């Protein structure tokens, strides 16, 4: 009687190689997500031209113009003083009309100021004021100026022209001593030193995290024994993260609006919020599209799918026999033969440039090191043998 043969072991072996691949893939995904936030912050909030592109059309929006006119009138219109002046000018028997007339005057003034806010004249002042305030804040944060007087980081928009307009509507002569007192001051809630560290950190992360993500993904592909499956997993996770970001942006909107105490300002803040996160939505949507595309292409190009189509199989065979494919295979063989020498040459060039040409700081050295790592990983990926296609 024949002895029973050993049953083949099933399941996935998870050794040190798979552990490193998983760690690199996770690091790449985390770096990509963090880069999305850093890139959006750098592009939308810390770049003056993009900031101006964002805020320049806001006064033309009816909700924003209404909130801005109400804010400026409320900060300039002295209700008690105006009501007293109206009361003094009325006969005693109709003095009770003073509050109603004051309210009507304030409403009319607000409407006139709203018209002024939506004018070309105000747009010029608005853009110039925002540009100067934004440049001043970033220059202080990045240590490009020696202004030490501003201890708390604020974005101050001085709108003296609006105050002068309101005073002219009220029939008051401006003494010129307080012409720039009216304005919008947005406190960032921390000292300029803390804001400076935050801005410099965002600058560094925006310039570095995308390199970390590429280096991590390439490293995982080099070490993986199932590259197609890895691409599917990374693509799916990237798409899911992009969807979660879109959901989070939509869920955060009512939370932000609920923190605005003045109800009449909430519609305007909603418009500003939508404009502010519009670019972030675009980045997240692109991540969903890219991740879905990578996952579908990697999944549908498996041999068990392509072999079912005779036309596609014939086209692939013709492509493998083309001159370009033959030259590519010859190049891969050359890289395999001289992989160590090629990697050494890349590292030597990077070190030479860092020592004699670039003269970078430690942040620059980090980026140069990552670029060298990516170049070596590309060489290793070109030299790598095709992996066996595992079913998914």
Protein backbone atom coordinates (compact mmCIF):
# COMPACT_ATOMS: atom_id res chain seq x y z
CA UNK A 1 0.00 0.00 0.00
CA UNK A 2 1.52 3.28 -1.08
CA UNK A 3 2.19 5.85 1.57
CA UNK A 4 0.10 8.99 1.36
CA UNK A 5 1.83 11.86 -0.34
CA UNK A 6 2.22 15.12 1.51
CA UNK A 7 -0.42 17.65 0.77
CA UNK A 8 0.88 20.88 -0.74
CA UNK A 9 0.86 23.78 1.64
CA UNK A 10 -1.49 26.58 0.80
CA UNK A 11 -1.49 30.18 1.90
CA UNK A 12 0.82 33.12 1.52
CA UNK A 13 4.29 33.04 2.93
CA UNK A 14 5.06 36.26 4.72
CA UNK A 15 8.78 36.57 5.31
CA UNK A 16 11.13 39.49 5.74
CA UNK A 17 10.96 40.33 2.04
CA UNK A 18 7.17 40.66 2.07
CA UNK A 19 7.37 42.63 5.31
CA UNK A 20 9.73 45.17 3.74
CA UNK A 21 7.54 45.40 0.63
CA UNK A 22 4.47 46.04 2.80
CA UNK A 23 6.33 48.65 4.87
CA UNK A 24 7.56 50.46 1.74
CA UNK A 25 4.10 50.42 0.18
CA UNK A 26 2.55 51.84 3.37
CA UNK A 27 5.27 54.49 3.58
CA UNK A 28 4.61 55.43 -0.04
CA UNK A 29 0.87 55.76 0.52
CA UNK A 30 1.32 57.79 3.72
CA UNK A 31 3.85 60.04 1.98
CA UNK A 32 1.46 60.56 -0.94
CA UNK A 33 -1.39 61.55 1.36
CA UNK A 34 0.83 63.90 3.36
CA UNK A 35 2.20 65.39 0.13
CA UNK A 36 -1.36 66.09 -1.04
CA UNK A 37 -2.00 68.21 2.07
CA UNK A 38 1.43 69.89 1.96
CA UNK A 39 1.19 70.64 -1.77
CA UNK A 40 -2.29 72.12 -1.39
CA UNK A 41 -1.12 74.29 1.54
CA UNK A 42 1.97 75.44 -0.34
CA UNK A 43 0.14 76.10 -3.59
CA UNK A 44 -3.05 77.64 -2.23
CA UNK A 45 -2.04 79.38 1.01
CA UNK A 46 1.71 80.02 0.83
CA UNK A 47 2.02 81.26 -2.75
CA UNK A 48 1.03 84.90 -3.11
CA UNK A 49 -0.02 84.77 -6.77
CA UNK A 50 -2.31 81.79 -6.15
CA UNK A 51 -3.70 83.46 -3.03
CA UNK A 52 -4.55 86.56 -5.09
CA UNK A 53 -6.16 84.38 -7.77
CA UNK A 54 -8.33 82.91 -5.02
CA UNK A 55 -9.39 86.09 -3.22
CA UNK A 56 -9.56 88.57 -6.13
CA UNK A 57 -13.05 87.57 -7.38
CA UNK A 58 -14.57 87.14 -3.90
CA UNK A 59 -15.97 90.71 -3.52
CA UNK A 60 -17.93 90.21 -6.75
CA UNK A 61 -19.85 87.39 -5.09
CA UNK A 62 -23.14 88.68 -3.68
CA UNK A 63 -22.83 86.80 -0.37
CA UNK A 64 -19.27 87.91 0.23
CA UNK A 65 -20.06 91.52 -0.74
CA UNK A 66 -23.01 91.51 1.67
CA UNK A 67 -20.94 90.18 4.56
CA UNK A 68 -18.04 92.52 3.84
CA UNK A 69 -20.28 95.58 3.63
CA UNK A 70 -22.08 94.64 6.87
CA UNK A 71 -18.76 94.08 8.62
CA UNK A 72 -17.28 97.40 7.56
CA UNK A 73 -20.46 99.38 8.28
CA UNK A 74 -20.83 97.80 11.70
CA UNK A 75 -17.26 98.79 12.52
CA UNK A 76 -17.73 102.37 11.34
CA UNK A 77 -21.41 103.20 11.87
CA UNK A 78 -21.81 104.50 15.44
CA UNK A 79 -25.50 103.70 15.92
CA UNK A 80 -25.82 105.58 19.20
CA UNK A 81 -24.16 108.74 17.89
CA UNK A 82 -26.14 108.74 14.64
CA UNK A 83 -29.42 108.12 16.46
CA UNK A 84 -28.69 110.99 18.85
CA UNK A 85 -27.96 113.37 15.97
CA UNK A 86 -31.22 112.37 14.26
CA UNK A 87 -33.13 112.78 17.51
CA UNK A 88 -31.64 116.26 18.02
CA UNK A 89 -32.77 117.26 14.52
CA UNK A 90 -36.33 116.10 14.96
CA UNK A 91 -39.17 117.84 16.80
CA UNK A 92 -39.87 116.39 20.23
CA UNK A 93 -43.21 114.91 19.17
CA UNK A 94 -41.60 112.73 16.48
CA UNK A 95 -38.36 111.98 18.31
CA UNK A 96 -39.53 108.38 18.76
CA UNK A 97 -38.83 107.86 15.04
CA UNK A 98 -35.10 108.25 15.59
CA UNK A 99 -34.33 104.51 16.04
CA UNK A 100 -36.32 103.55 12.92
CA UNK A 101 -34.68 106.27 10.84
CA UNK A 102 -31.27 105.21 12.15
CA UNK A 103 -31.96 101.62 11.08
CA UNK A 104 -33.06 102.75 7.64
CA UNK A 105 -29.97 104.92 7.30
CA UNK A 106 -27.72 102.02 8.30
CA UNK A 107 -29.46 99.71 5.81
CA UNK A 108 -29.13 102.27 3.02
CA UNK A 109 -25.47 102.84 3.90
CA UNK A 110 -24.84 99.09 3.84
CA UNK A 111 -26.41 98.78 0.39
CA UNK A 112 -24.36 101.68 -0.94
CA UNK A 113 -21.18 100.21 0.52
CA UNK A 114 -22.07 96.85 -1.02
CA UNK A 115 -22.28 98.54 -4.42
CA UNK A 116 -18.91 100.11 -3.79
CA UNK A 117 -17.42 96.76 -2.69
CA UNK A 118 -18.47 95.22 -6.01
CA UNK A 119 -16.96 98.08 -8.01
CA UNK A 120 -13.70 98.05 -9.98
CA UNK A 121 -12.24 100.69 -7.67
CA UNK A 122 -12.60 98.45 -4.63
CA UNK A 123 -11.28 95.44 -6.55
CA UNK A 124 -8.04 97.32 -7.19
CA UNK A 125 -7.70 98.19 -3.50
CA UNK A 126 -8.70 94.67 -2.42
CA UNK A 127 -6.09 92.97 -4.61
CA UNK A 128 -3.31 95.38 -3.65
CA UNK A 129 -4.11 95.10 0.05
CA UNK A 130 -4.22 91.29 -0.02
CA UNK A 131 -0.97 91.08 -1.95
CA UNK A 132 0.88 93.40 0.43
CA UNK A 133 -0.48 91.68 3.56
CA UNK A 134 0.25 88.17 2.25
CA UNK A 135 3.76 89.01 1.13
CA UNK A 136 4.50 90.70 4.46
CA UNK A 137 3.24 87.70 6.45
CA UNK A 138 5.22 85.15 4.43
CA UNK A 139 8.37 87.27 4.41
CA UNK A 140 8.26 87.41 8.21
CA UNK A 141 7.46 83.71 8.50
CA UNK A 142 10.35 82.68 6.24
CA UNK A 143 12.79 85.05 7.93
CA UNK A 144 13.23 87.22 4.85
CA UNK A 145 12.71 90.45 6.82
CA UNK A 146 13.91 91.80 10.13
CA UNK A 147 10.49 93.03 11.27
CA UNK A 148 10.35 91.97 14.91
CA UNK A 149 7.44 94.14 15.93
CA UNK A 150 4.71 91.71 15.03
CA UNK A 151 4.80 89.09 17.78
CA UNK A 152 1.49 87.43 16.89
CA UNK A 153 1.02 86.21 13.33
CA UNK A 154 -1.90 87.99 11.69
CA UNK A 155 -3.07 88.62 8.16
CA UNK A 156 -4.12 92.26 8.30
CA UNK A 157 -6.15 93.76 5.46
CA UNK A 158 -6.32 97.51 5.96
CA UNK A 159 -9.32 98.88 4.10
CA UNK A 160 -9.18 102.56 4.89
CA UNK A 161 -10.79 103.42 1.55
CA UNK A 162 -13.98 101.66 2.69
CA UNK A 163 -14.04 103.65 5.91
CA UNK A 164 -13.63 106.89 3.97
CA UNK A 165 -16.46 105.86 1.67
CA UNK A 166 -18.77 105.19 4.61
CA UNK A 167 -17.91 108.48 6.27
CA UNK A 168 -18.63 110.33 3.04
CA UNK A 169 -22.00 108.60 2.81
CA UNK A 170 -22.74 109.72 6.37
CA UNK A 171 -21.68 113.25 5.55
CA UNK A 172 -18.65 113.25 7.87
CA UNK A 173 -15.30 114.77 7.12
CA UNK A 174 -12.37 112.45 7.81
CA UNK A 175 -9.65 113.97 9.96
CA UNK A 176 -7.09 111.66 8.40
CA UNK A 177 -5.81 110.39 11.73
CA UNK A 178 -7.70 107.09 11.66
CA UNK A 179 -8.04 106.51 7.94
CA UNK A 180 -6.71 102.98 8.01
CA UNK A 181 -8.26 101.72 11.22
CA UNK A 182 -11.04 99.79 9.55
CA UNK A 183 -9.90 96.44 8.20
CA UNK A 184 -9.89 92.67 8.56
CA UNK A 185 -7.37 91.10 10.91
CA UNK A 186 -7.16 87.31 10.88
CA UNK A 187 -5.09 86.02 13.78
CA UNK A 188 -3.40 82.68 13.24
CA UNK A 189 -3.44 82.03 16.98
CA UNK A 190 0.30 81.56 17.43
CA UNK A 191 3.51 83.52 17.49
CA UNK A 192 5.36 84.45 14.34
CA UNK A 193 8.17 82.09 15.33
CA UNK A 194 5.77 79.14 15.37
CA UNK A 195 4.20 80.21 12.08
CA UNK A 196 7.67 80.56 10.58
CA UNK A 197 8.56 77.00 11.59
CA UNK A 198 5.27 75.77 10.18
CA UNK A 199 5.78 77.55 6.84
CA UNK A 200 9.35 76.27 6.49
CA UNK A 201 8.21 72.75 7.36
CA UNK A 202 5.50 72.90 4.67
CA UNK A 203 8.10 74.17 2.17
CA UNK A 204 10.35 71.21 2.99
CA UNK A 205 7.58 68.61 2.94
CA UNK A 206 6.19 69.92 -0.34
CA UNK A 207 9.62 69.59 -1.96
CA UNK A 208 10.47 66.21 -0.39
CA UNK A 209 7.44 63.99 0.25
CA UNK A 210 6.77 63.26 -3.42
CA UNK A 211 10.33 61.96 -3.72
CA UNK A 212 9.81 59.79 -0.62
CA UNK A 213 6.62 58.37 -2.16
CA UNK A 214 8.32 57.55 -5.49
CA UNK A 215 11.35 56.01 -3.77
CA UNK A 216 9.08 53.90 -1.53
CA UNK A 217 6.91 52.61 -4.37
CA UNK A 218 9.89 51.81 -6.57
CA UNK A 219 11.62 50.03 -3.70
CA UNK A 220 8.52 47.94 -3.09
CA UNK A 221 8.31 47.05 -6.79
CA UNK A 222 11.98 46.04 -6.88
CA UNK A 223 11.62 43.68 -3.91
CA UNK A 224 8.13 42.38 -4.69
CA UNK A 225 7.66 38.94 -6.23
CA UNK A 226 4.14 39.90 -7.37
CA UNK A 227 4.47 43.39 -8.85
CA UNK A 228 1.15 43.33 -10.65
CA UNK A 229 -0.71 42.48 -7.46
CA UNK A 230 1.19 45.22 -5.64
CA UNK A 231 0.15 47.76 -8.28
CA UNK A 232 -3.48 46.70 -7.89
CA UNK A 233 -3.34 47.07 -4.10
CA UNK A 234 -1.60 50.44 -4.22
CA UNK A 235 -4.01 51.71 -6.89
CA UNK A 236 -7.07 50.65 -4.92
CA UNK A 237 -5.76 52.17 -1.67
CA UNK A 238 -4.89 55.42 -3.46
CA UNK A 239 -8.39 55.66 -4.93
CA UNK A 240 -10.01 54.92 -1.55
CA UNK A 241 -7.89 57.54 0.20
CA UNK A 242 -8.83 60.10 -2.45
CA UNK A 243 -12.52 59.32 -1.91
CA UNK A 244 -12.11 59.66 1.86
CA UNK A 245 -10.47 63.05 1.37
CA UNK A 246 -13.39 64.24 -0.74
CA UNK A 247 -15.84 62.98 1.88
CA UNK A 248 -13.84 64.68 4.64
CA UNK A 249 -13.83 68.03 2.83
CA UNK A 250 -17.61 67.89 2.45
CA UNK A 251 -18.11 66.82 6.08
CA UNK A 252 -15.83 69.57 7.41
CA UNK A 253 -17.81 72.37 5.75
CA UNK A 254 -20.74 72.49 8.21
CA UNK A 255 -18.33 72.16 11.13
CA UNK A 256 -16.45 75.26 9.99
CA UNK A 257 -19.63 77.24 9.40
CA UNK A 258 -21.03 76.32 12.81
CA UNK A 259 -18.02 77.98 14.43
CA UNK A 260 -19.01 81.34 12.91
CA UNK A 261 -20.99 83.13 15.61
CA UNK A 262 -22.51 85.79 13.33
CA UNK A 263 -25.13 83.95 11.29
CA UNK A 264 -25.22 86.56 8.53
CA UNK A 265 -21.54 85.91 7.80
CA UNK A 266 -21.94 82.15 7.31
CA UNK A 267 -23.02 82.24 3.62
CA UNK A 268 -19.93 84.32 2.79
CA UNK A 269 -17.66 81.99 4.77
CA UNK A 270 -19.21 79.09 2.85
CA UNK A 271 -18.25 80.73 -0.43
CA UNK A 272 -14.69 81.32 0.83
CA UNK A 273 -14.44 77.72 2.06
CA UNK A 274 -15.61 76.31 -1.28
CA UNK A 275 -13.12 78.47 -3.16
CA UNK A 276 -10.35 77.53 -0.76
CA UNK A 277 -10.80 73.76 -1.02
CA UNK A 278 -11.62 73.69 -4.73
CA UNK A 279 -7.99 72.93 -5.61
CA UNK A 280 -7.85 70.26 -2.90
CA UNK A 281 -10.93 68.60 -4.39
CA UNK A 282 -9.20 68.60 -7.78
CA UNK A 283 -6.07 66.96 -6.32
CA UNK A 284 -8.15 64.31 -4.54
CA UNK A 285 -10.22 63.64 -7.66
CA UNK A 286 -7.04 63.17 -9.70
CA UNK A 287 -5.81 60.72 -7.05
CA UNK A 288 -9.02 58.72 -7.40
CA UNK A 289 -8.70 58.66 -11.19
CA UNK A 290 -4.99 57.74 -11.12
CA UNK A 291 -5.43 55.02 -8.50
CA UNK A 292 -8.40 53.50 -10.32
CA UNK A 293 -6.55 53.55 -13.64
CA UNK A 294 -3.44 51.88 -12.18
CA UNK A 295 -5.51 49.18 -10.48
CA UNK A 296 -7.58 48.43 -13.59
CA UNK A 297 -4.62 48.35 -15.97
CA UNK A 298 -2.60 46.09 -13.64
CA UNK A 299 -5.58 43.78 -13.11
CA UNK A 300 -6.80 43.53 -16.70
CA UNK A 301 -3.34 42.98 -18.23
CA UNK A 302 -2.90 39.63 -16.50
CA UNK A 303 -2.03 36.78 -18.82
CA UNK A 304 -5.25 34.93 -17.99
CA UNK A 305 -7.19 37.89 -19.44
CA UNK A 306 -4.97 38.81 -22.38
CA UNK A 307 -4.68 35.16 -23.51
CA UNK A 308 -8.42 34.99 -24.14
CA UNK A 309 -8.17 37.50 -26.98
CA UNK A 310 -6.47 36.14 -30.11
CA UNK A 311 -6.21 39.62 -31.59
CA UNK A 312 -4.55 41.05 -28.50
CA UNK A 313 -2.22 38.02 -28.24
CA UNK A 314 -1.15 38.49 -31.86
CA UNK A 315 -0.55 42.20 -31.33
CA UNK A 316 1.54 41.53 -28.21
CA UNK A 317 3.62 38.94 -30.08
CA UNK A 318 4.22 41.44 -32.87
CA UNK A 319 5.20 44.07 -30.32
CA UNK A 320 7.71 41.72 -28.68
CA UNK A 321 9.32 41.08 -32.07
CA UNK A 322 9.58 44.77 -33.00
CA UNK A 323 12.96 46.52 -33.20
CA UNK A 324 12.09 48.76 -30.28
CA UNK A 325 11.28 45.77 -28.06
CA UNK A 326 14.45 43.99 -29.13
CA UNK A 327 16.56 47.08 -28.34
CA UNK A 328 14.80 47.39 -24.99
CA UNK A 329 15.65 43.80 -24.10
CA UNK A 330 19.25 44.33 -25.15
CA UNK A 331 19.39 47.43 -22.97
CA UNK A 332 17.98 45.50 -20.02
CA UNK A 333 20.61 42.81 -20.46
CA UNK A 334 23.29 45.48 -20.52
CA UNK A 335 21.94 47.00 -17.30
CA UNK A 336 21.82 43.56 -15.66
CA UNK A 337 25.43 42.93 -16.59
CA UNK A 338 26.71 46.25 -15.30
CA UNK A 339 24.15 46.96 -12.56
CA UNK A 340 26.69 47.49 -9.78
CA UNK A 341 28.84 49.77 -11.95
CA UNK A 342 25.81 51.79 -13.09
CA UNK A 343 24.54 52.23 -9.53
CA UNK A 344 27.99 53.27 -8.38
CA UNK A 345 28.22 55.82 -11.19
CA UNK A 346 24.86 57.33 -10.22
CA UNK A 347 25.91 57.66 -6.58
CA UNK A 348 29.29 59.12 -7.58
CA UNK A 349 27.63 61.75 -9.80
CA UNK A 350 25.21 62.68 -7.01
CA UNK A 351 28.01 63.06 -4.47
CA UNK A 352 30.11 65.11 -6.92
CA UNK A 353 27.24 67.49 -7.65
CA UNK A 354 26.46 67.87 -3.96
CA UNK A 355 30.10 68.64 -3.13
CA UNK A 356 31.10 70.97 -5.97
CA UNK A 357 28.03 72.25 -7.81
CA UNK A 358 24.81 72.38 -5.80
CA UNK A 359 26.11 73.64 -2.41
CA UNK A 360 22.81 72.67 -0.78
CA UNK A 361 21.80 72.69 2.88
CA UNK A 362 20.75 69.56 4.76
CA UNK A 363 17.29 69.67 3.23
CA UNK A 364 18.82 69.79 -0.22
CA UNK A 365 21.05 66.84 0.68
CA UNK A 366 17.99 64.85 1.68
CA UNK A 367 16.40 65.53 -1.70
CA UNK A 368 19.60 64.68 -3.57
CA UNK A 369 19.87 61.43 -1.63
CA UNK A 370 16.29 60.53 -2.52
CA UNK A 371 16.90 61.31 -6.20
CA UNK A 372 19.97 59.05 -6.18
CA UNK A 373 17.92 56.32 -4.50
CA UNK A 374 15.20 56.64 -7.13
CA UNK A 375 17.76 56.44 -9.95
CA UNK A 376 19.33 53.28 -8.47
CA UNK A 377 15.90 51.71 -7.94
CA UNK A 378 14.98 52.43 -11.57
CA UNK A 379 18.15 50.65 -12.68
CA UNK A 380 17.30 47.69 -10.44
CA UNK A 381 13.73 47.64 -11.76
CA UNK A 382 14.95 47.64 -15.37
CA UNK A 383 17.37 44.84 -14.57
CA UNK A 384 14.81 42.78 -12.63
CA UNK A 385 13.51 39.53 -14.11
CA UNK A 386 9.78 39.33 -14.87
CA UNK A 387 7.80 38.02 -11.92
CA UNK A 388 5.40 35.12 -12.16
CA UNK A 389 1.88 36.39 -12.64
CA UNK A 390 -0.12 35.34 -9.57
CA UNK A 391 -3.88 35.12 -9.93
CA UNK A 392 -5.88 37.87 -8.22
